[in-house]
PDB file of N, CA and C in Angstrom:
ATOM      1  N   MET A   1       1.001  13.167  27.361  1.00  0.00           N
ATOM      2  CA  MET A   1       0.027  12.102  27.454  1.00  0.00           C
ATOM      3  C   MET A   1      -1.294  12.581  26.852  1.00  0.00           C
ATOM      4  N   ASN A   2      -1.983  11.686  26.177  1.00  0.00           N
ATOM      5  CA  ASN A   2      -3.256  11.996  25.540  1.00  0.00           C
ATOM      6  C   ASN A   2      -4.380  11.879  26.567  1.00  0.00           C
ATOM      7  N   SER A   3      -5.130  12.952  26.763  1.00  0.00           N
ATOM      8  CA  SER A   3      -6.204  12.948  27.765  1.00  0.00           C
ATOM      9  C   SER A   3      -7.366  12.048  27.360  1.00  0.00           C
ATOM     10  N   SER A   4      -7.399  11.607  26.087  1.00  0.00           N
ATOM     11  CA  SER A   4      -8.461  10.705  25.635  1.00  0.00           C
ATOM     12  C   SER A   4      -8.179   9.253  26.002  1.00  0.00           C
ATOM     13  N   VAL A   5      -6.969   8.972  26.416  1.00  0.00           N
ATOM     14  CA  VAL A   5      -6.597   7.600  26.765  1.00  0.00           C
ATOM     15  C   VAL A   5      -6.956   7.367  28.231  1.00  0.00           C
ATOM     16  N   VAL A   6      -7.887   6.459  28.445  1.00  0.00           N
ATOM     17  CA  VAL A   6      -8.323   6.126  29.799  1.00  0.00           C
ATOM     18  C   VAL A   6      -8.374   4.610  29.939  1.00  0.00           C
ATOM     19  N   PRO A   7      -8.343   4.097  31.160  1.00  0.00           N
ATOM     20  CA  PRO A   7      -8.464   2.647  31.351  1.00  0.00           C
ATOM     21  C   PRO A   7      -9.793   2.129  30.803  1.00  0.00           C
ATOM     22  N   TRP A   8      -9.764   0.947  30.216  1.00  0.00           N
ATOM     23  CA  TRP A   8     -10.949   0.309  29.640  1.00  0.00           C
ATOM     24  C   TRP A   8     -12.075   0.255  30.664  1.00  0.00           C
ATOM     25  N   ASP A   9     -11.749  -0.064  31.920  1.00  0.00           N
ATOM     26  CA  ASP A   9     -12.763  -0.179  32.971  1.00  0.00           C
ATOM     27  C   ASP A   9     -13.447   1.152  33.278  1.00  0.00           C
ATOM     28  N   ASP A  10     -12.833   2.268  32.895  1.00  0.00           N
ATOM     29  CA  ASP A  10     -13.436   3.581  33.132  1.00  0.00           C
ATOM     30  C   ASP A  10     -14.462   3.973  32.067  1.00  0.00           C
ATOM     31  N   LEU A  11     -14.548   3.189  30.999  1.00  0.00           N
ATOM     32  CA  LEU A  11     -15.488   3.492  29.919  1.00  0.00           C
ATOM     33  C   LEU A  11     -16.863   2.906  30.229  1.00  0.00           C
ATOM     34  N   SER A  12     -17.896   3.571  29.720  1.00  0.00           N
ATOM     35  CA  SER A  12     -19.255   3.034  29.875  1.00  0.00           C
ATOM     36  C   SER A  12     -19.434   1.851  28.936  1.00  0.00           C
ATOM     37  N   ASP A  13     -20.476   1.071  29.169  1.00  0.00           N
ATOM     38  CA  ASP A  13     -20.768  -0.059  28.282  1.00  0.00           C
ATOM     39  C   ASP A  13     -20.964   0.405  26.842  1.00  0.00           C
ATOM     40  N   ASP A  14     -21.649   1.545  26.658  1.00  0.00           N
ATOM     41  CA  ASP A  14     -21.876   2.088  25.311  1.00  0.00           C
ATOM     42  C   ASP A  14     -20.554   2.485  24.645  1.00  0.00           C
ATOM     43  N   GLN A  15     -19.656   3.100  25.418  1.00  0.00           N
ATOM     44  CA  GLN A  15     -18.355   3.486  24.858  1.00  0.00           C
ATOM     45  C   GLN A  15     -17.545   2.253  24.461  1.00  0.00           C
ATOM     46  N   ARG A  16     -17.557   1.226  25.295  1.00  0.00           N
ATOM     47  CA  ARG A  16     -16.834  -0.013  24.967  1.00  0.00           C
ATOM     48  C   ARG A  16     -17.391  -0.650  23.705  1.00  0.00           C
ATOM     49  N   ALA A  17     -18.729  -0.722  23.611  1.00  0.00           N
ATOM     50  CA  ALA A  17     -19.364  -1.324  22.432  1.00  0.00           C
ATOM     51  C   ALA A  17     -19.016  -0.524  21.174  1.00  0.00           C
ATOM     52  N   GLY A  18     -19.041   0.802  21.284  1.00  0.00           N
ATOM     53  CA  GLY A  18     -18.706   1.648  20.133  1.00  0.00           C
ATOM     54  C   GLY A  18     -17.272   1.455  19.688  1.00  0.00           C
ATOM     55  N   LEU A  19     -16.354   1.373  20.625  1.00  0.00           N
ATOM     56  CA  LEU A  19     -14.940   1.155  20.277  1.00  0.00           C
ATOM     57  C   LEU A  19     -14.726  -0.227  19.674  1.00  0.00           C
ATOM     58  N   ALA A  20     -15.432  -1.231  20.186  1.00  0.00           N
ATOM     59  CA  ALA A  20     -15.314  -2.582  19.620  1.00  0.00           C
ATOM     60  C   ALA A  20     -15.811  -2.601  18.176  1.00  0.00           C
ATOM     61  N   ARG A  21     -16.925  -1.912  17.903  1.00  0.00           N
ATOM     62  CA  ARG A  21     -17.432  -1.829  16.515  1.00  0.00           C
ATOM     63  C   ARG A  21     -16.420  -1.127  15.620  1.00  0.00           C
ATOM     64  N   TYR A  22     -15.825  -0.066  16.121  1.00  0.00           N
ATOM     65  CA  TYR A  22     -14.827   0.683  15.347  1.00  0.00           C
ATOM     66  C   TYR A  22     -13.633  -0.207  14.988  1.00  0.00           C
ATOM     67  N   VAL A  23     -13.125  -0.935  15.956  1.00  0.00           N
ATOM     68  CA  VAL A  23     -11.975  -1.806  15.697  1.00  0.00           C
ATOM     69  C   VAL A  23     -12.344  -2.897  14.695  1.00  0.00           C
ATOM     70  N   ARG A  24     -13.534  -3.476  14.825  1.00  0.00           N
ATOM     71  CA  ARG A  24     -13.958  -4.501  13.850  1.00  0.00           C
ATOM     72  C   ARG A  24     -14.006  -3.933  12.434  1.00  0.00           C
ATOM     73  N   ARG A  25     -14.516  -2.710  12.284  1.00  0.00           N
ATOM     74  CA  ARG A  25     -14.561  -2.076  10.953  1.00  0.00           C
ATOM     75  C   ARG A  25     -13.153  -1.848  10.414  1.00  0.00           C
ATOM     76  N   GLN A  26     -12.242  -1.434  11.284  1.00  0.00           N
ATOM     77  CA  GLN A  26     -10.863  -1.210  10.854  1.00  0.00           C
ATOM     78  C   GLN A  26     -10.229  -2.504  10.361  1.00  0.00           C
ATOM     79  N   VAL A  27     -10.460  -3.602  11.068  1.00  0.00           N
ATOM     80  CA  VAL A  27      -9.900  -4.896  10.659  1.00  0.00           C
ATOM     81  C   VAL A  27     -10.468  -5.303   9.301  1.00  0.00           C
ATOM     82  N   VAL A  28     -11.762  -5.120   9.101  1.00  0.00           N
ATOM     83  CA  VAL A  28     -12.381  -5.458   7.805  1.00  0.00           C
ATOM     84  C   VAL A  28     -11.754  -4.627   6.693  1.00  0.00           C
ATOM     85  N   GLN A  29     -11.545  -3.338   6.932  1.00  0.00           N
ATOM     86  CA  GLN A  29     -10.936  -2.485   5.902  1.00  0.00           C
ATOM     87  C   GLN A  29      -9.504  -2.932   5.610  1.00  0.00           C
ATOM     88  N   LEU A  30      -8.763  -3.306   6.616  1.00  0.00           N
ATOM     89  CA  LEU A  30      -7.397  -3.799   6.397  1.00  0.00           C
ATOM     90  C   LEU A  30      -7.412  -5.102   5.608  1.00  0.00           C
ATOM     91  N   GLU A  31      -8.341  -5.997   5.936  1.00  0.00           N
ATOM     92  CA  GLU A  31      -8.452  -7.255   5.185  1.00  0.00           C
ATOM     93  C   GLU A  31      -8.818  -6.996   3.737  1.00  0.00           C
ATOM     94  N   ASP A  32      -9.675  -5.996   3.499  1.00  0.00           N
ATOM     95  CA  ASP A  32     -10.095  -5.671   2.130  1.00  0.00           C
ATOM     96  C   ASP A  32      -8.919  -5.276   1.240  1.00  0.00           C
ATOM     97  N   VAL A  33      -7.863  -4.741   1.844  1.00  0.00           N
ATOM     98  CA  VAL A  33      -6.700  -4.349   1.050  1.00  0.00           C
ATOM     99  C   VAL A  33      -5.556  -5.370   1.161  1.00  0.00           C
ATOM    100  N   GLY A  34      -5.866  -6.549   1.725  1.00  0.00           N
ATOM    101  CA  GLY A  34      -4.896  -7.630   1.720  1.00  0.00           C
ATOM    102  C   GLY A  34      -4.143  -7.878   3.010  1.00  0.00           C
ATOM    103  N   PHE A  35      -4.386  -7.091   4.040  1.00  0.00           N
ATOM    104  CA  PHE A  35      -3.717  -7.311   5.320  1.00  0.00           C
ATOM    105  C   PHE A  35      -4.265  -8.577   5.952  1.00  0.00           C
ATOM    106  N   MET A  36      -3.378  -9.451   6.384  1.00  0.00           N
ATOM    107  CA  MET A  36      -3.793 -10.719   6.975  1.00  0.00           C
ATOM    108  C   MET A  36      -3.370 -10.775   8.439  1.00  0.00           C
ATOM    109  N   PRO A  37      -4.270 -10.475   9.370  1.00  0.00           N
ATOM    110  CA  PRO A  37      -3.899 -10.526  10.777  1.00  0.00           C
ATOM    111  C   PRO A  37      -3.635 -11.958  11.221  1.00  0.00           C
ATOM    112  N   THR A  38      -2.647 -12.146  12.057  1.00  0.00           N
ATOM    113  CA  THR A  38      -2.348 -13.458  12.619  1.00  0.00           C
ATOM    114  C   THR A  38      -2.114 -13.306  14.112  1.00  0.00           C
ATOM    115  N   VAL A  39      -2.408 -14.356  14.838  1.00  0.00           N
ATOM    116  CA  VAL A  39      -2.164 -14.359  16.269  1.00  0.00           C
ATOM    117  C   VAL A  39      -0.826 -15.057  16.493  1.00  0.00           C
ATOM    118  N   PRO A  40       0.132 -14.384  17.097  1.00  0.00           N
ATOM    119  CA  PRO A  40       1.435 -15.011  17.313  1.00  0.00           C
ATOM    120  C   PRO A  40       1.340 -16.134  18.340  1.00  0.00           C
ATOM    121  N   PRO A  41       2.283 -17.078  18.297  1.00  0.00           N
ATOM    122  CA  PRO A  41       2.296 -18.142  19.306  1.00  0.00           C
ATOM    123  C   PRO A  41       2.293 -17.528  20.702  1.00  0.00           C
ATOM    124  N   GLY A  42       1.458 -18.054  21.563  1.00  0.00           N
ATOM    125  CA  GLY A  42       1.351 -17.518  22.912  1.00  0.00           C
ATOM    126  C   GLY A  42       0.510 -16.260  22.987  1.00  0.00           C
ATOM    127  N   GLY A  43      -0.191 -15.930  21.884  1.00  0.00           N
ATOM    128  CA  GLY A  43      -1.025 -14.726  21.851  1.00  0.00           C
ATOM    129  C   GLY A  43      -2.221 -14.837  22.770  1.00  0.00           C
ATOM    130  N   PRO A  44      -3.071 -13.845  22.747  1.00  0.00           N
ATOM    131  CA  PRO A  44      -4.220 -13.832  23.663  1.00  0.00           C
ATOM    132  C   PRO A  44      -5.069 -15.097  23.521  1.00  0.00           C
ATOM    133  N   PRO A  45      -5.416 -15.738  24.633  1.00  0.00           N
ATOM    134  CA  PRO A  45      -6.187 -16.987  24.562  1.00  0.00           C
ATOM    135  C   PRO A  45      -7.580 -16.799  23.970  1.00  0.00           C
ATOM    136  N   ARG A  46      -8.125 -15.579  24.020  1.00  0.00           N
ATOM    137  CA  ARG A  46      -9.476 -15.338  23.477  1.00  0.00           C
ATOM    138  C   ARG A  46      -9.449 -14.987  21.996  1.00  0.00           C
ATOM    139  N   ALA A  47      -8.272 -14.893  21.409  1.00  0.00           N
ATOM    140  CA  ALA A  47      -8.183 -14.515  19.992  1.00  0.00           C
ATOM    141  C   ALA A  47      -8.789 -15.621  19.133  1.00  0.00           C
ATOM    142  N   ALA A  48      -9.633 -15.204  18.213  1.00  0.00           N
ATOM    143  CA  ALA A  48     -10.277 -16.162  17.316  1.00  0.00           C
ATOM    144  C   ALA A  48      -9.345 -16.510  16.171  1.00  0.00           C
ATOM    145  N   SER A  49      -9.476 -17.711  15.671  1.00  0.00           N
ATOM    146  CA  SER A  49      -8.721 -18.082  14.481  1.00  0.00           C
ATOM    147  C   SER A  49      -9.716 -18.237  13.331  1.00  0.00           C
ATOM    148  N   TYR A  50      -9.274 -17.923  12.144  1.00  0.00           N
ATOM    149  CA  TYR A  50     -10.128 -18.035  10.973  1.00  0.00           C
ATOM    150  C   TYR A  50      -9.255 -18.136   9.739  1.00  0.00           C
ATOM    151  N   ARG A  51      -9.878 -18.488   8.639  1.00  0.00           N
ATOM    152  CA  ARG A  51      -9.169 -18.571   7.376  1.00  0.00           C
ATOM    153  C   ARG A  51      -9.891 -17.699   6.372  1.00  0.00           C
ATOM    154  N   ARG A  52      -9.126 -16.944   5.601  1.00  0.00           N
ATOM    155  CA  ARG A  52      -9.694 -16.079   4.578  1.00  0.00           C
ATOM    156  C   ARG A  52      -9.845 -16.889   3.297  1.00  0.00           C
ATOM    157  N   VAL A  53     -10.994 -16.816   2.697  1.00  0.00           N
ATOM    158  CA  VAL A  53     -11.276 -17.530   1.456  1.00  0.00           C
ATOM    159  C   VAL A  53     -11.693 -16.505   0.414  1.00  0.00           C
ATOM    160  N   GLY A  54     -11.204 -16.656  -0.787  1.00  0.00           N
ATOM    161  CA  GLY A  54     -11.570 -15.721  -1.842  1.00  0.00           C
ATOM    162  C   GLY A  54     -11.320 -16.327  -3.206  1.00  0.00           C
ATOM    163  N   ARG A  55     -11.690 -15.615  -4.210  1.00  0.00           N
ATOM    164  CA  ARG A  55     -11.484 -16.041  -5.592  1.00  0.00           C
ATOM    165  C   ARG A  55     -10.557 -15.072  -6.288  1.00  0.00           C
ATOM    166  N   VAL A  56      -9.749 -15.606  -7.168  1.00  0.00           N
ATOM    167  CA  VAL A  56      -8.886 -14.757  -7.983  1.00  0.00           C
ATOM    168  C   VAL A  56      -9.017 -15.181  -9.430  1.00  0.00           C
ATOM    169  N   ARG A  57      -8.745 -14.264 -10.307  1.00  0.00           N
ATOM    170  CA  ARG A  57      -8.680 -14.552 -11.736  1.00  0.00           C
ATOM    171  C   ARG A  57      -7.240 -14.338 -12.157  1.00  0.00           C
ATOM    172  N   ALA A  58      -6.670 -15.316 -12.816  1.00  0.00           N
ATOM    173  CA  ALA A  58      -5.262 -15.204 -13.183  1.00  0.00           C
ATOM    174  C   ALA A  58      -5.041 -15.795 -14.562  1.00  0.00           C
ATOM    175  N   ARG A  59      -3.908 -15.413 -15.138  1.00  0.00           N
ATOM    176  CA  ARG A  59      -3.495 -16.019 -16.399  1.00  0.00           C
ATOM    177  C   ARG A  59      -1.995 -16.232 -16.335  1.00  0.00           C
ATOM    178  N   ARG A  60      -1.536 -17.266 -17.005  1.00  0.00           N
ATOM    179  CA  ARG A  60      -0.115 -17.571 -17.014  1.00  0.00           C
ATOM    180  C   ARG A  60       0.632 -16.524 -17.840  1.00  0.00           C
ATOM    181  N   LEU A  61       1.754 -16.072 -17.314  1.00  0.00           N
ATOM    182  CA  LEU A  61       2.568 -15.097 -18.027  1.00  0.00           C
ATOM    183  C   LEU A  61       3.373 -15.772 -19.135  1.00  0.00           C
ATOM    184  N   ASP A  62       3.468 -15.101 -20.271  1.00  0.00           N
ATOM    185  CA  ASP A  62       4.332 -15.572 -21.354  1.00  0.00           C
ATOM    186  C   ASP A  62       5.719 -14.945 -21.237  1.00  0.00           C
ATOM    187  N   ALA A  63       5.806 -13.866 -20.482  1.00  0.00           N
ATOM    188  CA  ALA A  63       7.074 -13.167 -20.282  1.00  0.00           C
ATOM    189  C   ALA A  63       6.994 -12.445 -18.940  1.00  0.00           C
ATOM    190  N   GLY A  64       8.129 -11.991 -18.441  1.00  0.00           N
ATOM    191  CA  GLY A  64       8.148 -11.247 -17.196  1.00  0.00           C
ATOM    192  C   GLY A  64       7.297  -9.991 -17.300  1.00  0.00           C
ATOM    193  N   LEU A  65       6.902  -9.453 -16.171  1.00  0.00           N
ATOM    194  CA  LEU A  65       6.033  -8.283 -16.160  1.00  0.00           C
ATOM    195  C   LEU A  65       6.555  -7.299 -15.115  1.00  0.00           C
ATOM    196  N   HIS A  66       6.602  -6.017 -15.458  1.00  0.00           N
ATOM    197  CA  HIS A  66       7.046  -4.965 -14.541  1.00  0.00           C
ATOM    198  C   HIS A  66       5.971  -3.893 -14.487  1.00  0.00           C
ATOM    199  N   TRP A  67       5.621  -3.450 -13.278  1.00  0.00           N
ATOM    200  CA  TRP A  67       4.637  -2.390 -13.127  1.00  0.00           C
ATOM    201  C   TRP A  67       4.885  -1.652 -11.812  1.00  0.00           C
ATOM    202  N   ASN A  68       4.196  -0.528 -11.652  1.00  0.00           N
ATOM    203  CA  ASN A  68       4.262   0.237 -10.406  1.00  0.00           C
ATOM    204  C   ASN A  68       2.890   0.165  -9.743  1.00  0.00           C
ATOM    205  N   CYS A  69       2.882  -0.134  -8.444  1.00  0.00           N
ATOM    206  CA  CYS A  69       1.602  -0.161  -7.737  1.00  0.00           C
ATOM    207  C   CYS A  69       1.197   1.262  -7.359  1.00  0.00           C
ATOM    208  N   SER A  70       0.026   1.404  -6.765  1.00  0.00           N
ATOM    209  CA  SER A  70      -0.514   2.735  -6.469  1.00  0.00           C
ATOM    210  C   SER A  70       0.356   3.536  -5.507  1.00  0.00           C
ATOM    211  N   THR A  71       1.188   2.856  -4.707  1.00  0.00           N
ATOM    212  CA  THR A  71       2.075   3.569  -3.781  1.00  0.00           C
ATOM    213  C   THR A  71       3.367   3.993  -4.468  1.00  0.00           C
ATOM    214  N   GLY A  72       3.553   3.574  -5.740  1.00  0.00           N
ATOM    215  CA  GLY A  72       4.755   3.922  -6.476  1.00  0.00           C
ATOM    216  C   GLY A  72       5.849   2.872  -6.410  1.00  0.00           C
ATOM    217  N   SER A  73       5.623   1.802  -5.647  1.00  0.00           N
ATOM    218  CA  SER A  73       6.621   0.734  -5.537  1.00  0.00           C
ATOM    219  C   SER A  73       6.736  -0.029  -6.849  1.00  0.00           C
ATOM    220  N   ASP A  74       7.968  -0.389  -7.195  1.00  0.00           N
ATOM    221  CA  ASP A  74       8.204  -1.211  -8.377  1.00  0.00           C
ATOM    222  C   ASP A  74       7.808  -2.650  -8.087  1.00  0.00           C
ATOM    223  N   MET A  75       7.088  -3.251  -9.003  1.00  0.00           N
ATOM    224  CA  MET A  75       6.676  -4.646  -8.868  1.00  0.00           C
ATOM    225  C   MET A  75       7.226  -5.408 -10.068  1.00  0.00           C
ATOM    226  N   LEU A  76       7.592  -6.669  -9.852  1.00  0.00           N
ATOM    227  CA  LEU A  76       8.177  -7.473 -10.912  1.00  0.00           C
ATOM    228  C   LEU A  76       7.686  -8.909 -10.779  1.00  0.00           C
ATOM    229  N   ALA A  77       7.158  -9.457 -11.854  1.00  0.00           N
ATOM    230  CA  ALA A  77       6.710 -10.850 -11.885  1.00  0.00           C
ATOM    231  C   ALA A  77       7.602 -11.609 -12.847  1.00  0.00           C
ATOM    232  N   HIS A  78       8.051 -12.785 -12.423  1.00  0.00           N
ATOM    233  CA  HIS A  78       8.900 -13.627 -13.271  1.00  0.00           C
ATOM    234  C   HIS A  78       8.044 -14.712 -13.893  1.00  0.00           C
ATOM    235  N   CYS A  79       8.358 -15.080 -15.089  1.00  0.00           N
ATOM    236  CA  CYS A  79       7.679 -16.143 -15.794  1.00  0.00           C
ATOM    237  C   CYS A  79       8.454 -17.441 -15.571  1.00  0.00           C
ATOM    238  N   THR A  80       7.740 -18.498 -15.183  1.00  0.00           N
ATOM    239  CA  THR A  80       8.387 -19.798 -15.020  1.00  0.00           C
ATOM    240  C   THR A  80       7.805 -20.792 -15.995  1.00  0.00           C
ATOM    241  N   ALA A  81       8.557 -21.777 -16.370  1.00  0.00           N
ATOM    242  CA  ALA A  81       8.126 -22.752 -17.375  1.00  0.00           C
ATOM    243  C   ALA A  81       7.189 -23.793 -16.776  1.00  0.00           C
ATOM    244  N   SER A  82       7.345 -24.130 -15.496  1.00  0.00           N
ATOM    245  CA  SER A  82       6.531 -25.205 -14.918  1.00  0.00           C
ATOM    246  C   SER A  82       5.257 -24.656 -14.308  1.00  0.00           C
ATOM    247  N   ALA A  83       4.223 -25.504 -14.338  1.00  0.00           N
ATOM    248  CA  ALA A  83       2.934 -25.118 -13.741  1.00  0.00           C
ATOM    249  C   ALA A  83       3.035 -25.255 -12.234  1.00  0.00           C
ATOM    250  N   VAL A  84       2.284 -24.418 -11.554  1.00  0.00           N
ATOM    251  CA  VAL A  84       2.281 -24.464 -10.078  1.00  0.00           C
ATOM    252  C   VAL A  84       1.086 -25.228  -9.598  1.00  0.00           C
TER     253      VAL A  84
END
């Protein structure tokens, strides 16, 4: 067992506030790389809902495209004739 793990009620107000700030920063960093948190049905009643809005720049492919992402995973895009 980790000795750093204690009940939330045992933490001081300053410790709780610091941990809440830390978690908020972690969520922002995850969102920055595309992670989209969702609250499952029946999730915590205090969970906030929101929508992510952003801009993208894109161009229609003339042919399929294959590349490797930074993690080394193979990526493949298919070209379709109809507009989306």
